N, C-alpha and C. Protein backbone atom coordinates (compact mmCIF):
# COMPACT_ATOMS: atom_id res chain seq x y z
N UNK A 1 0.84 -1.18 0.00
CA UNK A 1 0.00 0.00 0.00
C UNK A 1 0.87 1.23 0.00
N UNK A 2 0.77 1.98 -1.09
CA UNK A 2 1.58 3.17 -1.23
C UNK A 2 0.67 4.39 -1.27
N UNK A 3 1.25 5.53 -0.99
CA UNK A 3 0.48 6.75 -1.14
C UNK A 3 0.33 7.54 0.14
N UNK A 4 -0.78 8.26 0.21
CA UNK A 4 -1.00 9.18 1.32
C UNK A 4 -1.47 8.43 2.56
N UNK A 5 -1.22 8.99 3.75
CA UNK A 5 -1.74 8.37 4.97
C UNK A 5 -3.25 8.51 5.02
N UNK A 6 -3.88 7.69 5.84
CA UNK A 6 -5.33 7.73 5.99
C UNK A 6 -5.76 9.09 6.53
N UNK A 7 -7.00 9.48 6.24
CA UNK A 7 -7.43 10.84 6.61
C UNK A 7 -7.42 11.10 8.11
N UNK A 8 -7.34 10.07 8.94
CA UNK A 8 -7.24 10.28 10.38
C UNK A 8 -5.88 10.84 10.77
N UNK A 9 -4.90 10.74 9.88
CA UNK A 9 -3.54 11.16 10.21
C UNK A 9 -3.11 12.40 9.44
N UNK A 10 -3.98 13.01 8.64
CA UNK A 10 -3.59 14.20 7.89
C UNK A 10 -3.34 15.35 8.86
N UNK A 11 -2.21 15.99 8.75
CA UNK A 11 -1.90 17.12 9.59
C UNK A 11 -1.42 16.77 10.98
N UNK A 12 -1.08 15.53 11.22
CA UNK A 12 -0.62 15.13 12.55
C UNK A 12 0.88 15.37 12.67
N UNK A 13 1.31 15.62 13.89
CA UNK A 13 2.73 15.73 14.18
C UNK A 13 3.18 14.42 14.82
N UNK A 14 4.30 13.89 14.37
CA UNK A 14 4.77 12.63 14.91
C UNK A 14 6.28 12.57 14.95
N UNK A 15 6.79 11.42 15.39
CA UNK A 15 8.24 11.19 15.48
C UNK A 15 8.62 10.07 14.53
N UNK A 16 9.69 10.29 13.77
CA UNK A 16 10.14 9.28 12.83
C UNK A 16 10.91 8.20 13.58
N UNK A 17 10.57 6.91 13.31
CA UNK A 17 11.28 5.81 13.95
C UNK A 17 11.96 4.90 12.95
N UNK A 18 11.66 5.04 11.65
CA UNK A 18 12.24 4.15 10.66
C UNK A 18 12.33 4.90 9.34
N UNK A 19 13.42 4.68 8.61
CA UNK A 19 13.61 5.33 7.31
C UNK A 19 13.93 4.25 6.29
N UNK A 20 13.18 4.25 5.18
CA UNK A 20 13.44 3.35 4.06
C UNK A 20 13.74 4.19 2.84
N UNK A 21 13.84 3.53 1.65
CA UNK A 21 14.20 4.29 0.46
C UNK A 21 13.15 5.32 0.09
N UNK A 22 11.90 4.94 0.13
CA UNK A 22 10.84 5.83 -0.36
C UNK A 22 9.88 6.30 0.72
N UNK A 23 9.99 5.77 1.91
CA UNK A 23 9.01 6.10 2.95
C UNK A 23 9.69 6.19 4.30
N UNK A 24 8.95 6.68 5.26
CA UNK A 24 9.42 6.74 6.64
C UNK A 24 8.34 6.17 7.55
N UNK A 25 8.77 5.58 8.65
CA UNK A 25 7.84 5.14 9.67
C UNK A 25 7.69 6.24 10.70
N UNK A 26 6.45 6.56 11.05
CA UNK A 26 6.17 7.67 11.96
C UNK A 26 5.29 7.17 13.10
N UNK A 27 5.61 7.60 14.31
CA UNK A 27 4.75 7.32 15.47
C UNK A 27 3.88 8.55 15.69
N UNK A 28 2.56 8.35 15.57
CA UNK A 28 1.61 9.45 15.79
C UNK A 28 0.62 9.01 16.85
N UNK A 29 -0.01 9.98 17.50
CA UNK A 29 -1.04 9.69 18.49
C UNK A 29 -2.40 9.72 17.83
N UNK A 30 -3.20 8.66 18.06
CA UNK A 30 -4.55 8.58 17.52
C UNK A 30 -5.53 8.46 18.67
N UNK A 31 -6.58 9.27 18.63
CA UNK A 31 -7.60 9.23 19.67
C UNK A 31 -8.61 8.16 19.34
N UNK A 32 -8.75 7.18 20.23
CA UNK A 32 -9.72 6.11 20.07
C UNK A 32 -10.60 6.12 21.30
N UNK A 33 -11.85 6.56 21.11
CA UNK A 33 -12.81 6.75 22.20
C UNK A 33 -12.18 7.64 23.26
N UNK A 34 -11.91 7.16 24.46
CA UNK A 34 -11.38 8.03 25.50
C UNK A 34 -9.88 7.96 25.64
N UNK A 35 -9.23 7.16 24.80
CA UNK A 35 -7.79 6.94 24.97
C UNK A 35 -7.01 7.55 23.83
N UNK A 36 -5.73 7.80 24.05
CA UNK A 36 -4.82 8.25 23.00
C UNK A 36 -3.79 7.16 22.83
N UNK A 37 -3.78 6.55 21.65
CA UNK A 37 -2.89 5.42 21.39
C UNK A 37 -1.77 5.84 20.46
N UNK A 38 -0.52 5.47 20.76
CA UNK A 38 0.55 5.70 19.79
C UNK A 38 0.46 4.67 18.68
N UNK A 39 0.42 5.13 17.42
CA UNK A 39 0.30 4.24 16.27
C UNK A 39 1.52 4.42 15.39
N UNK A 40 1.98 3.33 14.80
CA UNK A 40 3.09 3.38 13.86
C UNK A 40 2.52 3.26 12.46
N UNK A 41 2.79 4.30 11.63
CA UNK A 41 2.31 4.28 10.26
C UNK A 41 3.48 4.55 9.33
N UNK A 42 3.38 4.05 8.11
CA UNK A 42 4.39 4.29 7.09
C UNK A 42 3.85 5.29 6.08
N UNK A 43 4.62 6.35 5.83
CA UNK A 43 4.21 7.43 4.95
C UNK A 43 5.31 7.67 3.93
N UNK A 44 4.92 7.83 2.68
CA UNK A 44 5.90 8.18 1.66
C UNK A 44 6.44 9.58 1.91
N UNK A 45 7.71 9.79 1.54
CA UNK A 45 8.39 11.02 1.95
C UNK A 45 7.82 12.27 1.28
N UNK A 46 7.12 12.13 0.14
CA UNK A 46 6.57 13.33 -0.48
C UNK A 46 5.38 13.89 0.31
N UNK A 47 4.87 13.13 1.29
CA UNK A 47 3.72 13.58 2.06
C UNK A 47 4.09 14.06 3.46
N UNK A 48 5.37 14.22 3.76
CA UNK A 48 5.76 14.71 5.08
C UNK A 48 6.59 15.97 4.93
N UNK A 49 6.59 16.79 5.95
CA UNK A 49 7.46 17.96 6.01
C UNK A 49 7.76 18.23 7.47
N UNK A 50 8.83 18.94 7.71
CA UNK A 50 9.27 19.19 9.07
C UNK A 50 8.33 20.16 9.78
N UNK A 51 8.06 19.87 11.04
CA UNK A 51 7.17 20.72 11.83
C UNK A 51 7.86 22.04 12.13
N UNK A 52 7.06 23.12 12.13
CA UNK A 52 7.60 24.45 12.40
C UNK A 52 7.19 24.95 13.77
N UNK A 53 6.72 24.06 14.66
CA UNK A 53 6.17 24.51 15.93
C UNK A 53 7.25 25.03 16.89
N UNK A 54 8.51 24.64 16.68
CA UNK A 54 9.56 25.09 17.59
C UNK A 54 10.29 26.33 17.08
N UNK A 55 9.96 26.80 15.88
CA UNK A 55 10.69 27.94 15.32
C UNK A 55 10.61 29.17 16.21
N UNK A 56 9.42 29.50 16.66
CA UNK A 56 9.25 30.70 17.49
C UNK A 56 10.04 30.57 18.78
N UNK A 57 10.01 29.38 19.38
CA UNK A 57 10.75 29.15 20.62
C UNK A 57 12.25 29.32 20.40
N UNK A 58 12.78 28.73 19.33
CA UNK A 58 14.22 28.82 19.07
C UNK A 58 14.64 30.25 18.76
N UNK A 59 13.80 30.98 18.02
CA UNK A 59 14.11 32.38 17.74
C UNK A 59 14.11 33.21 19.01
N UNK A 60 13.17 32.90 19.93
CA UNK A 60 13.12 33.62 21.19
C UNK A 60 14.34 33.32 22.05
N UNK A 61 14.81 32.07 22.02
CA UNK A 61 16.01 31.70 22.78
C UNK A 61 17.22 32.48 22.27
N UNK A 62 17.36 32.57 20.93
CA UNK A 62 18.48 33.31 20.35
C UNK A 62 18.42 34.79 20.73
N UNK A 63 17.23 35.38 20.63
CA UNK A 63 17.08 36.80 20.96
C UNK A 63 17.36 37.04 22.44
N UNK A 64 16.90 36.13 23.31
CA UNK A 64 17.16 36.29 24.74
C UNK A 64 18.64 36.18 25.06
N UNK A 65 19.34 35.27 24.38
CA UNK A 65 20.78 35.14 24.59
C UNK A 65 21.51 36.42 24.20
N UNK A 66 21.08 37.03 23.08
CA UNK A 66 21.69 38.30 22.67
C UNK A 66 21.43 39.39 23.71
N UNK A 67 20.18 39.45 24.21
CA UNK A 67 19.86 40.46 25.22
C UNK A 67 20.68 40.25 26.49
N UNK A 68 20.82 38.99 26.91
CA UNK A 68 21.60 38.70 28.12
C UNK A 68 23.06 39.06 27.93
N UNK A 69 23.61 38.77 26.75
CA UNK A 69 25.01 39.09 26.48
C UNK A 69 25.23 40.60 26.51
N UNK A 70 24.31 41.35 25.90
CA UNK A 70 24.44 42.81 25.90
C UNK A 70 24.26 43.37 27.30
N UNK A 71 23.36 42.78 28.09
CA UNK A 71 23.14 43.27 29.45
C UNK A 71 24.34 42.96 30.34
N UNK A 72 25.00 41.84 30.09
CA UNK A 72 26.17 41.49 30.89
C UNK A 72 27.31 42.47 30.63
N UNK A 73 27.47 42.88 29.38
CA UNK A 73 28.52 43.84 29.04
C UNK A 73 28.23 45.19 29.68
N UNK A 74 26.95 45.64 29.60
CA UNK A 74 26.60 46.94 30.15
C UNK A 74 26.38 46.90 31.66
N UNK A 75 26.24 45.72 32.24
CA UNK A 75 26.11 45.59 33.68
C UNK A 75 24.72 45.86 34.23
N UNK A 76 23.70 45.71 33.41
CA UNK A 76 22.34 45.93 33.88
C UNK A 76 21.55 44.63 33.80
N UNK A 77 20.39 44.62 34.45
CA UNK A 77 19.55 43.43 34.47
C UNK A 77 18.48 43.54 33.39
N UNK A 78 18.22 42.43 32.71
CA UNK A 78 17.23 42.43 31.64
C UNK A 78 16.17 41.37 31.93
N UNK A 79 14.92 41.68 31.58
CA UNK A 79 13.82 40.74 31.78
C UNK A 79 13.54 40.04 30.45
N UNK A 80 13.68 38.72 30.43
CA UNK A 80 13.46 37.95 29.20
C UNK A 80 12.16 37.17 29.23
N UNK A 81 11.33 37.42 30.22
CA UNK A 81 10.06 36.69 30.30
C UNK A 81 9.06 37.24 29.29
N UNK A 82 8.19 36.35 28.82
CA UNK A 82 7.10 36.79 27.95
C UNK A 82 6.02 37.42 28.81
N UNK A 83 5.51 38.54 28.37
CA UNK A 83 4.49 39.25 29.13
C UNK A 83 3.16 39.16 28.40
N UNK A 84 2.03 39.06 29.14
CA UNK A 84 0.74 39.03 28.46
C UNK A 84 0.44 40.38 27.83
N UNK A 85 -0.46 40.37 26.86
CA UNK A 85 -0.83 41.61 26.18
C UNK A 85 -1.60 42.48 27.16
N UNK A 86 -1.15 43.72 27.30
CA UNK A 86 -1.79 44.64 28.24
C UNK A 86 -3.14 45.08 27.71
N UNK A 87 -4.06 45.45 28.60
CA UNK A 87 -5.35 45.95 28.12
C UNK A 87 -5.19 47.26 27.36
N UNK A 88 -6.14 47.52 26.49
CA UNK A 88 -6.07 48.75 25.70
C UNK A 88 -6.20 49.97 26.60
N UNK A 89 -5.67 51.08 26.15
CA UNK A 89 -5.73 52.31 26.94
C UNK A 89 -7.14 52.88 26.88
N UNK A 90 -7.41 53.79 27.83
CA UNK A 90 -8.73 54.39 27.87
C UNK A 90 -8.89 55.37 26.71
N UNK A 91 -10.15 55.62 26.33
CA UNK A 91 -10.42 56.57 25.26
C UNK A 91 -11.76 57.23 25.52
N UNK A 92 -11.93 58.41 24.97
CA UNK A 92 -13.15 59.19 25.15
C UNK A 92 -13.99 59.06 23.89
N UNK A 93 -15.26 58.69 24.06
CA UNK A 93 -16.18 58.55 22.94
C UNK A 93 -17.13 59.74 22.98
N UNK A 94 -17.12 60.51 21.92
CA UNK A 94 -17.97 61.69 21.86
C UNK A 94 -19.37 61.29 21.38
N UNK A 95 -20.39 61.94 21.94
CA UNK A 95 -21.76 61.68 21.49
C UNK A 95 -22.25 62.79 20.56
N UNK A 96 -21.37 63.66 20.15
CA UNK A 96 -21.74 64.72 19.21
C UNK A 96 -21.96 64.09 17.84
N UNK A 97 -23.16 64.23 17.29
CA UNK A 97 -23.57 63.58 16.03
C UNK A 97 -23.38 62.07 16.08
N UNK A 98 -23.46 61.53 17.27
CA UNK A 98 -23.28 60.08 17.43
C UNK A 98 -24.13 59.64 18.62
N UNK A 99 -25.44 59.62 18.41
CA UNK A 99 -26.35 59.30 19.51
C UNK A 99 -26.21 57.82 19.89
N UNK A 100 -26.20 57.53 21.19
CA UNK A 100 -26.11 56.14 21.60
C UNK A 100 -27.39 55.37 21.21
N UNK A 101 -27.22 54.13 20.84
CA UNK A 101 -28.36 53.29 20.48
C UNK A 101 -28.57 52.25 21.56
N UNK A 102 -29.81 51.96 21.83
CA UNK A 102 -30.14 50.96 22.85
C UNK A 102 -30.23 49.61 22.14
N UNK A 103 -29.47 48.66 22.62
CA UNK A 103 -29.49 47.33 22.05
C UNK A 103 -30.27 46.44 23.01
N UNK A 104 -31.38 45.89 22.50
CA UNK A 104 -32.20 45.01 23.33
C UNK A 104 -32.76 43.91 22.45
N UNK A 105 -33.33 42.93 23.09
CA UNK A 105 -33.82 41.78 22.35
C UNK A 105 -35.07 42.14 21.57
N UNK A 106 -35.31 41.42 20.49
CA UNK A 106 -36.48 41.64 19.66
C UNK A 106 -37.68 40.99 20.36
N UNK A 107 -38.81 41.68 20.49
CA UNK A 107 -39.97 41.05 21.14
C UNK A 107 -40.47 39.86 20.34
N UNK A 108 -40.90 38.85 21.06
CA UNK A 108 -41.33 37.61 20.41
C UNK A 108 -42.66 37.80 19.73
């Protein structure tokens, strides 16, 4: 049986455990009822590509190392933690030529 993996495995991330001339063996997790089972499937190499999920993490590690190196030279402390997005700033809404509308449910 050659070709694409079954539709249950499209878009899955897995680990390669075997390499042959035209295909690779991949361990993927499949949800069966309430359990998650590791399954070994063989996929032809034209249907796989490397996962990009760690790119952002690796780029952040490199940037943090640069910041730490620069801070060590200048002798100051730097914060490399990720911060949540702050709430938006306050703003004033004018009612001039902009009358407020009452939003309520439609009567049945």
